[in-house]
Protein backbone atom coordinates (compact mmCIF):
# COMPACT_ATOMS: atom_id res chain seq x y z
CA MET A 1 0.01 -0.07 0.01
CA SER A 2 1.40 3.42 -0.99
CA VAL A 3 1.83 6.30 1.48
CA TRP A 4 -1.07 8.20 -0.16
CA SER A 5 -3.37 5.11 0.18
CA ARG A 6 -2.30 4.77 3.82
CA LEU A 7 -3.18 8.49 4.46
CA ILE A 8 -6.53 8.15 2.74
CA VAL A 9 -7.41 5.17 4.93
CA LEU A 10 -6.20 7.03 8.11
CA ALA A 11 -8.36 10.05 7.17
CA MET A 12 -11.32 7.73 6.74
CA VAL A 13 -10.88 6.32 10.15
CA LEU A 14 -10.08 9.66 11.97
CA LEU A 15 -12.57 12.02 10.43
CA PRO A 16 -15.69 10.20 11.80
CA ALA A 17 -14.14 10.02 15.24
CA GLN A 18 -13.35 13.62 15.03
CA ALA A 19 -16.80 14.42 13.95
CA TRP A 20 -18.17 12.33 16.94
CA ALA A 21 -16.01 14.11 19.32
CA GLY A 22 -17.18 17.61 17.95
CA VAL A 23 -20.82 16.52 18.45
CA LYS A 24 -20.08 15.22 21.94
CA GLU A 25 -18.39 18.65 22.81
CA ASN A 26 -21.36 20.57 21.38
CA VAL A 27 -23.84 18.41 23.32
CA ALA A 28 -21.89 18.80 26.59
CA ALA A 29 -21.77 22.66 26.03
CA LEU A 30 -25.49 22.88 25.43
CA ALA A 31 -26.70 20.69 28.26
CA PRO A 32 -23.92 19.16 30.40
CA SER A 33 -26.35 17.46 32.70
CA GLY A 34 -28.67 16.15 29.99
CA LEU A 35 -29.02 12.67 28.85
CA VAL A 36 -28.17 12.17 25.18
CA PHE A 37 -27.77 8.88 23.48
CA VAL A 38 -27.22 8.19 19.86
CA ILE A 39 -26.63 4.88 17.88
CA ASP A 40 -26.35 4.42 14.17
CA GLY A 41 -28.15 1.73 12.12
CA THR A 42 -25.66 -1.02 13.06
CA GLY A 43 -26.06 -0.31 16.89
CA LYS A 44 -22.82 1.56 17.20
CA GLU A 45 -22.91 4.18 19.81
CA LEU A 46 -22.13 7.59 18.54
CA VAL A 47 -22.93 9.78 21.54
CA ALA A 48 -23.54 8.46 25.13
CA GLN A 49 -23.76 11.40 27.63
CA ASN A 50 -25.24 10.51 30.99
CA ALA A 51 -26.67 7.35 29.35
CA GLU A 52 -26.47 5.21 32.40
CA GLU A 53 -29.14 7.27 34.24
CA PRO A 54 -32.77 6.10 34.25
CA PHE A 55 -35.17 8.70 33.33
CA VAL A 56 -38.98 9.47 33.34
CA PRO A 57 -40.01 9.07 29.74
CA ALA A 58 -43.22 11.16 29.77
CA SER A 59 -45.14 10.82 26.53
CA VAL A 60 -42.10 9.13 24.79
CA THR A 61 -43.81 6.09 26.51
CA LYS A 62 -46.17 6.02 23.69
CA ILE A 63 -43.55 4.82 21.25
CA VAL A 64 -43.08 1.69 23.50
CA THR A 65 -46.81 1.22 23.71
CA ALA A 66 -47.10 1.57 19.90
CA TRP A 67 -44.35 -1.08 19.42
CA ILE A 68 -45.94 -3.56 21.84
CA ALA A 69 -49.41 -3.02 20.43
CA MET A 70 -48.23 -3.83 16.89
CA GLN A 71 -46.86 -7.17 18.22
CA VAL A 72 -49.88 -8.01 20.40
CA LEU A 73 -52.85 -6.72 18.30
CA GLY A 74 -51.34 -6.08 14.73
CA GLY A 75 -51.66 -3.18 12.46
CA ASP A 76 -55.04 -4.44 10.96
CA TYR A 77 -56.79 -4.71 14.37
CA ARG A 78 -60.14 -2.88 14.66
CA PHE A 79 -61.93 -2.06 17.88
CA GLN A 80 -65.55 -3.18 17.97
CA THR A 81 -68.77 -1.83 19.48
CA ARG A 82 -71.77 -4.29 19.68
CA PHE A 83 -75.43 -3.45 19.44
CA TYR A 84 -78.38 -5.65 20.70
CA LEU A 85 -82.16 -5.24 20.38
CA ASP A 86 -84.66 -7.04 22.54
CA ASP A 87 -88.27 -7.95 21.91
CA ALA A 88 -89.36 -4.75 23.57
CA ARG A 89 -87.06 -2.74 21.18
CA VAL A 90 -84.69 -1.68 23.79
CA LEU A 91 -81.32 -1.02 22.33
CA TYR A 92 -78.27 -2.30 24.20
CA VAL A 93 -74.82 -1.01 23.51
CA ARG A 94 -71.78 -2.99 24.65
CA GLY A 95 -68.59 -0.91 24.62
CA GLY A 96 -65.36 -2.64 23.47
CA GLY A 97 -62.98 0.22 24.55
CA ASP A 98 -62.91 1.89 20.99
CA PRO A 99 -60.54 4.84 21.47
CA PHE A 100 -61.78 6.59 18.31
CA LEU A 101 -65.51 6.49 18.76
CA ILE A 102 -65.67 10.13 17.73
CA SER A 103 -68.41 12.21 16.09
CA GLU A 104 -67.24 11.31 12.62
CA GLU A 105 -67.36 7.56 13.53
CA LEU A 106 -70.87 7.86 15.05
CA ALA A 107 -72.02 9.62 11.72
CA LEU A 108 -70.82 6.43 9.86
CA LEU A 109 -72.25 4.13 12.46
CA ALA A 110 -75.75 5.55 12.88
CA PRO A 111 -77.16 4.86 9.47
CA GLN A 112 -75.91 1.21 9.53
CA LEU A 113 -77.51 0.74 12.97
CA VAL A 114 -80.81 2.30 11.97
CA ALA A 115 -80.87 -0.08 8.93
CA ALA A 116 -80.15 -2.99 11.23
CA VAL A 117 -82.83 -2.25 13.89
CA GLY A 118 -85.55 -0.78 11.57
CA ARG A 119 -87.55 2.40 11.71
CA LYS A 120 -89.98 1.49 14.51
CA PRO A 121 -89.41 3.47 17.63
CA ILE A 122 -86.48 2.52 19.96
CA ALA A 123 -87.98 2.02 23.44
CA GLY A 124 -84.72 3.06 25.22
CA ILE A 125 -80.97 2.83 25.20
CA VAL A 126 -79.02 0.74 27.75
CA LEU A 127 -75.23 1.21 28.00
CA ASP A 128 -73.11 -1.66 29.03
CA ALA A 129 -69.55 -0.80 29.96
CA SER A 130 -68.73 -3.92 31.82
CA TYR A 131 -65.65 -4.71 29.63
CA TYR A 132 -63.84 -2.19 31.81
CA PRO A 133 -64.19 -2.46 35.59
CA ALA A 134 -65.81 0.60 37.26
CA ASN A 135 -63.00 1.14 39.58
CA LEU A 136 -60.27 1.29 36.99
CA ARG A 137 -57.91 4.16 37.46
CA ILE A 138 -54.72 5.00 35.57
CA PRO A 139 -51.69 6.19 37.70
CA GLY A 140 -50.96 9.92 36.96
CA ILE A 141 -54.54 10.66 35.77
CA GLU A 142 -56.17 13.22 37.95
CA ASP A 143 -59.78 14.16 38.39
CA SER A 144 -59.66 17.56 36.54
CA THR A 145 -61.18 19.35 33.63
CA GLU A 146 -57.98 18.92 31.53
CA SER A 147 -58.50 16.87 28.43
CA TYR A 148 -55.44 14.81 29.04
CA ASP A 149 -56.96 13.59 32.28
CA ALA A 150 -59.96 11.92 30.60
CA LEU A 151 -61.27 8.72 32.14
CA ASN A 152 -60.66 5.48 30.43
CA THR A 153 -63.78 3.36 29.92
CA ALA A 154 -65.24 0.76 27.64
CA LEU A 155 -67.83 3.13 26.14
CA SER A 156 -67.08 6.78 25.64
CA VAL A 157 -67.20 9.22 22.84
CA ASN A 158 -64.86 12.04 21.52
CA PHE A 159 -62.03 10.84 23.78
CA ASN A 160 -64.35 11.28 26.89
CA THR A 161 -64.21 14.99 26.46
CA ILE A 162 -66.57 17.64 25.32
CA ALA A 163 -65.72 20.72 23.07
CA ALA A 164 -67.97 23.72 23.53
CA VAL A 165 -68.12 27.41 23.58
CA ARG A 166 -69.94 29.43 26.29
CA LYS A 167 -70.96 33.02 26.15
CA GLY A 168 -73.00 34.08 29.19
CA ASP A 169 -75.74 31.48 29.52
CA THR A 170 -75.51 30.10 26.07
CA VAL A 171 -73.45 26.98 25.34
CA VAL A 172 -72.82 25.75 21.80
CA ALA A 173 -70.69 23.05 20.32
CA ALA A 174 -67.25 24.03 19.30
CA GLU A 175 -67.33 21.48 16.44
CA PRO A 176 -69.69 21.50 13.60
CA GLN A 177 -69.66 17.74 13.43
CA THR A 178 -70.76 17.29 17.05
CA PRO A 179 -74.33 17.98 18.21
CA ILE A 180 -74.63 19.81 21.57
CA THR A 181 -76.46 17.58 24.14
CA PRO A 182 -78.12 18.41 27.61
CA LEU A 183 -75.07 16.88 29.48
CA ALA A 184 -72.58 18.77 27.49
CA ILE A 185 -74.35 22.06 28.14
CA SER A 186 -74.63 21.34 31.95
CA GLN A 187 -71.02 20.14 32.20
CA PHE A 188 -69.74 23.34 30.36
CA ARG A 189 -71.94 25.67 32.44
CA ALA A 190 -70.40 24.09 35.56
CA ARG A 191 -66.89 25.11 34.50
CA GLY A 192 -67.47 28.84 34.69
CA PRO A 193 -69.40 31.74 33.04
CA VAL A 194 -67.07 32.12 29.99
CA GLY A 195 -64.97 29.71 28.12
CA ARG A 196 -64.21 27.59 25.16
CA GLY A 197 -62.18 24.46 24.38
CA ARG A 198 -62.04 20.77 25.10
CA ILE A 199 -62.66 19.58 28.71
CA SER A 200 -62.49 16.22 30.43
CA LEU A 201 -65.77 14.83 31.59
CA GLY A 202 -64.01 13.90 34.88
CA GLN A 203 -63.60 10.57 36.66
CA ASP A 204 -67.28 9.63 37.12
CA PRO A 205 -68.06 6.79 34.88
CA ALA A 206 -71.87 7.55 35.06
CA VAL A 207 -71.18 10.96 33.47
CA SER A 208 -69.14 9.51 30.72
CA LEU A 209 -71.85 6.98 29.88
CA GLN A 210 -74.64 9.46 29.96
CA TYR A 211 -72.87 11.63 27.38
CA ALA A 212 -72.01 8.70 25.18
CA GLY A 213 -75.65 7.70 25.15
CA GLU A 214 -76.89 11.27 24.40
CA LEU A 215 -74.46 11.70 21.62
CA LEU A 216 -75.31 8.39 20.07
CA ALA A 217 -79.02 9.10 20.36
CA ALA A 218 -78.53 12.47 18.54
CA PHE A 219 -76.77 10.65 15.66
CA LEU A 220 -79.51 8.08 15.53
CA VAL A 221 -82.20 10.68 15.33
CA ARG A 222 -80.30 12.40 12.59
CA ALA A 223 -80.19 9.05 10.68
CA GLY A 224 -83.99 8.69 10.97
CA ALA A 225 -84.46 6.78 14.24
CA LYS A 226 -87.20 7.62 16.69
CA ILE A 227 -86.22 7.20 20.38
CA GLU A 228 -89.05 7.20 22.85
CA GLY A 229 -87.40 5.88 26.04
CA THR A 230 -84.67 6.98 28.34
CA ILE A 231 -80.90 6.34 28.50
CA SER A 232 -79.78 4.08 31.22
CA THR A 233 -76.92 1.74 32.12
CA GLY A 234 -76.97 -2.11 32.57
CA ALA A 235 -75.85 -5.47 31.21
CA VAL A 236 -76.78 -6.93 27.87
CA PRO A 237 -79.27 -9.85 28.60
CA GLU A 238 -77.54 -13.34 28.36
CA GLY A 239 -78.39 -15.03 25.03
CA LEU A 240 -79.23 -12.00 23.11
CA ALA A 241 -77.36 -11.92 19.80
CA PRO A 242 -76.03 -8.66 18.38
CA VAL A 243 -78.04 -7.07 15.52
CA TYR A 244 -74.99 -4.93 14.56
CA VAL A 245 -71.35 -5.01 15.29
CA HIS A 246 -69.63 -1.90 14.38
CA GLN A 247 -65.92 -2.13 13.45
CA GLN A 248 -63.89 0.96 13.81
CA SER A 249 -63.15 2.45 10.47
CA ARG A 250 -59.57 3.14 11.31
CA ALA A 251 -57.27 0.10 11.71
CA LEU A 252 -54.79 0.09 14.65
CA SER A 253 -51.96 1.32 12.44
CA GLN A 254 -53.92 4.46 11.58
CA ILE A 255 -54.86 5.10 15.20
CA LEU A 256 -51.24 4.73 16.10
CA VAL A 257 -50.23 7.51 13.65
CA GLU A 258 -52.84 9.81 15.29
CA LEU A 259 -51.71 8.79 18.74
CA LEU A 260 -48.06 9.41 18.16
CA ARG A 261 -48.76 12.65 16.35
CA GLY A 262 -51.42 13.96 18.83
CA SER A 263 -50.05 12.36 22.06
CA ASN A 264 -53.60 11.61 23.54
CA ASN A 265 -53.15 9.96 26.85
CA TYR A 266 -56.73 8.53 26.72
CA VAL A 267 -56.11 6.80 23.36
CA ALA A 268 -52.68 5.52 24.56
CA ASN A 269 -54.30 3.75 27.55
CA GLN A 270 -57.30 2.51 25.64
CA ILE A 271 -54.83 0.70 23.35
CA PHE A 272 -52.69 -0.48 26.32
CA LEU A 273 -55.74 -1.93 28.11
CA GLU A 274 -56.90 -3.68 24.99
CA MET A 275 -53.68 -5.53 24.73
CA GLY A 276 -54.40 -7.29 28.00
CA GLY A 277 -58.12 -7.93 27.26
CA HIS A 278 -57.22 -9.33 23.80
CA ARG A 279 -54.55 -11.57 24.96
CA LEU A 280 -55.99 -12.67 28.45
CA GLY A 281 -59.61 -11.94 28.05
CA GLY A 282 -62.06 -9.47 29.41
CA PRO A 283 -62.63 -7.53 31.60
CA VAL A 284 -59.49 -5.48 30.96
CA SER A 285 -57.24 -4.50 33.77
CA LEU A 286 -53.85 -2.65 34.12
CA GLU A 287 -52.48 -5.88 35.67
CA LYS A 288 -53.32 -8.02 32.59
CA SER A 289 -51.88 -5.44 30.23
CA LEU A 290 -48.64 -4.93 32.23
CA THR A 291 -48.31 -8.76 32.23
CA VAL A 292 -48.58 -8.98 28.46
CA ALA A 293 -46.21 -5.89 28.05
CA ASN A 294 -43.70 -7.34 30.42
CA GLU A 295 -43.68 -10.74 28.55
CA ILE A 296 -42.87 -8.79 25.35
CA LEU A 297 -40.15 -6.85 27.00
CA ALA A 298 -38.71 -10.08 28.56
CA GLN A 299 -38.51 -11.66 25.17
CA HIS A 300 -36.23 -8.89 23.97
CA GLY A 301 -34.08 -8.57 27.15
CA LEU A 302 -35.64 -5.31 28.16
CA THR A 303 -37.18 -6.19 31.53
CA ASP A 304 -34.71 -4.14 33.46
CA SER A 305 -34.40 -1.12 31.12
CA ILE A 306 -38.13 -0.49 30.22
CA ARG A 307 -40.44 -0.25 33.32
CA LEU A 308 -44.07 0.53 32.64
CA GLU A 309 -46.77 1.65 35.13
CA GLU A 310 -49.35 2.60 32.34
CA GLY A 311 -49.05 3.16 28.57
CA SER A 312 -49.30 6.98 27.98
CA GLY A 313 -46.44 8.36 29.94
CA VAL A 314 -48.54 10.45 32.34
CA SER A 315 -47.23 8.48 35.23
CA ARG A 316 -43.80 9.22 36.82
CA GLY A 317 -43.57 5.62 37.70
CA ASN A 318 -42.59 4.76 34.19
CA SER A 319 -38.77 4.48 33.97
CA PHE A 320 -36.57 3.86 30.98
CA THR A 321 -32.86 3.78 30.25
CA ALA A 322 -31.41 5.27 27.18
CA ARG A 323 -30.17 1.96 25.83
CA GLY A 324 -33.37 0.23 26.38
CA LEU A 325 -35.37 2.85 24.57
CA ALA A 326 -32.81 2.93 21.76
CA LYS A 327 -33.24 -0.87 21.33
CA VAL A 328 -37.08 -0.45 21.27
CA LEU A 329 -36.43 2.09 18.41
CA ASP A 330 -34.42 -0.27 16.58
CA LEU A 331 -37.10 -3.01 17.02
CA PHE A 332 -39.66 -0.49 15.92
CA ALA A 333 -37.70 0.65 12.83
CA SER A 334 -39.87 -1.35 10.37
CA HIS A 335 -42.84 0.58 11.61
CA ALA A 336 -41.02 4.00 11.83
CA THR A 337 -43.44 5.50 9.28
CA LEU A 338 -46.11 5.48 12.00
CA LEU A 339 -44.03 8.10 13.86
CA ARG A 340 -44.46 10.91 11.45
CA GLY A 341 -45.26 14.41 12.75
CA LYS A 342 -46.97 17.11 10.78
CA ASP A 343 -43.72 18.48 9.68
CA GLY A 344 -42.41 14.98 8.57
CA ALA A 345 -40.31 14.55 11.66
CA ALA A 346 -39.92 10.99 12.94
CA HIS A 347 -39.70 11.65 16.73
CA LYS A 348 -41.87 11.94 19.73
CA THR A 349 -41.75 14.47 22.52
CA GLY A 350 -42.56 14.01 26.26
CA THR A 351 -43.41 16.71 28.73
CA LEU A 352 -44.09 16.57 32.48
CA ASP A 353 -43.20 19.34 34.99
CA GLY A 354 -39.37 19.27 35.24
CA VAL A 355 -39.20 16.61 32.47
CA ARG A 356 -38.49 17.23 28.75
CA THR A 357 -37.80 14.20 26.57
CA LEU A 358 -37.38 13.60 22.79
CA ALA A 359 -36.72 10.28 21.01
CA GLY A 360 -36.95 8.81 17.55
CA TYR A 361 -35.07 8.72 14.28
CA ALA A 362 -32.93 11.40 12.69
CA ASN A 363 -31.18 11.74 9.32
CA THR A 364 -27.55 12.87 9.88
CA ALA A 365 -24.99 14.46 7.61
CA LYS A 366 -22.42 11.83 7.78
CA SER A 367 -23.82 8.79 9.80
CA GLY A 368 -27.13 8.12 7.96
CA LYS A 369 -30.27 7.53 9.97
CA VAL A 370 -29.64 7.28 13.64
CA ARG A 371 -31.78 6.47 16.74
CA PHE A 372 -31.59 9.05 19.42
CA VAL A 373 -32.88 9.59 22.95
CA ILE A 374 -32.73 12.89 24.78
CA SER A 375 -33.87 13.54 28.36
CA LEU A 376 -33.68 16.86 30.22
CA LYS A 377 -34.56 17.35 33.92
CA SER A 378 -35.86 20.91 33.15
CA ASN A 379 -38.81 22.73 31.63
CA ASN A 380 -36.58 24.00 28.71
CA GLY A 381 -38.48 22.28 25.76
CA ALA A 382 -36.52 24.12 23.12
CA MET A 383 -33.13 22.69 24.31
CA ARG A 384 -34.36 19.32 23.02
CA PHE A 385 -34.40 20.46 19.62
CA GLN A 386 -31.21 22.31 19.86
CA LEU A 387 -29.46 19.02 20.89
CA LEU A 388 -31.26 17.31 18.04
CA LYS A 389 -29.92 19.87 15.60
CA ALA A 390 -26.42 19.41 16.89
CA ILE A 391 -26.83 15.62 16.24
CA GLU A 392 -28.21 16.07 12.76
CA THR A 393 -25.57 18.40 11.51
CA GLY A 394 -22.57 17.03 13.37
CA LEU A 395 -22.82 13.38 12.82
C-alpha cells in the first residue's frame, strides 16, 4: 500500500471519530447534565452522555406502547362496539374500548345501525360498559377538567371529552360535526361563566356513559331513528345476539399514527388496556396489560431497562434507560413511518413538570439514519431540539 493510500485510509478512520468528538463537545456545552444517547443503524454508539441514568420518559412512553401493540394486536386490528335489540325494542350497547368512537365515527355508524334495527321507535337505550371495571384508574390521571385527564372506559365518545363554547348562559358546540347535548351544556356551564375548548368529563363513569348515550341518540335521530325511552346503564341480557357489530373504520396502524402525532393519553391507555383484554380475556385491567407488556419486554431482554406503570407516559412511575429505549427504536424501525409528525419529523416529545424528553429517528449528515434519545430534567423544551440539531448536523 502506497503512502497516499495509507493516508486516505487513516483520514477515513479519523474523520468520523473527530466528528463524533465535536458533537459530544457541542452536546456537553448545550446541556452538560442532559441525557443524550445516539446509535447508528448498526447499533454503534455515537454519543452516550449520562446514558446510564434512568429517566422518566413522559409521552415518549407512547413509542413503547405502539411497538408492543403492533406485536400483540397487529396493524390491521379494529376495535368493535356491539349493538343488541330485545323484543321490547330496547337497544343495548356494549362498549369494546374503542378509542376513536368520535363524532365522525358515529356519523358512519348511525345509518348502519338504523338499517339493522328498523324504523320502528326505539324504546330506550341501555349502555353496557362492563368490559372495563368501574374502579379502573390510571396512575397519573387526575380528576380534573384537563382533556389529558380523561377517564378510560369501555364506552365513551370523543375521547371522553366535550368541546364547547360558552358566552353568558349560552353553550354551543365548538365542532360543527358534534351536536350539543343536555349533559354537554350542563358540564360546560359548571366550569365557569365564559370559556371555550375541550374539557374532560371527569372521573365519574356515570357522567361519561350518559354523554356517550346522548351523543349516540343524537346521531341515531339524525339518521332517521325515533327514540321514545330513556338512556340508562345495565348489562346486555344473556343469550341476546347482536343485531349490528360496528368495526372501527380506522385500523390500529392508523390510530397509532394519530396517537403518536397528537399524544392523546386517553387513546394510549385504551390501546394499552386492549392488549391485556385481547390476550388474556375481559374484563380489561392494568395488571393484565402489564403482564402482556412485560412478557414482550422479557422476550427482547428489556425487563430491567423499560419499566411501565401505564401506557401513555402520564405517570412518573414509568422509568426507561437510554439503551433500552434505543433498542425499542431499533425493533420499531420497520414501523417508523407510524411516527410521523405534521412536519415530517420522525420523533416523539414528552413533557411533564421538570421533564422534557425527545426520542426517535434522525437523518444525519455523515452517519445516515440514527436512533436518538434525549432527556432533560428541566422545563426547557427548546433545548431538546437544539440538541437534535447538533446531532443532525454534526454526525
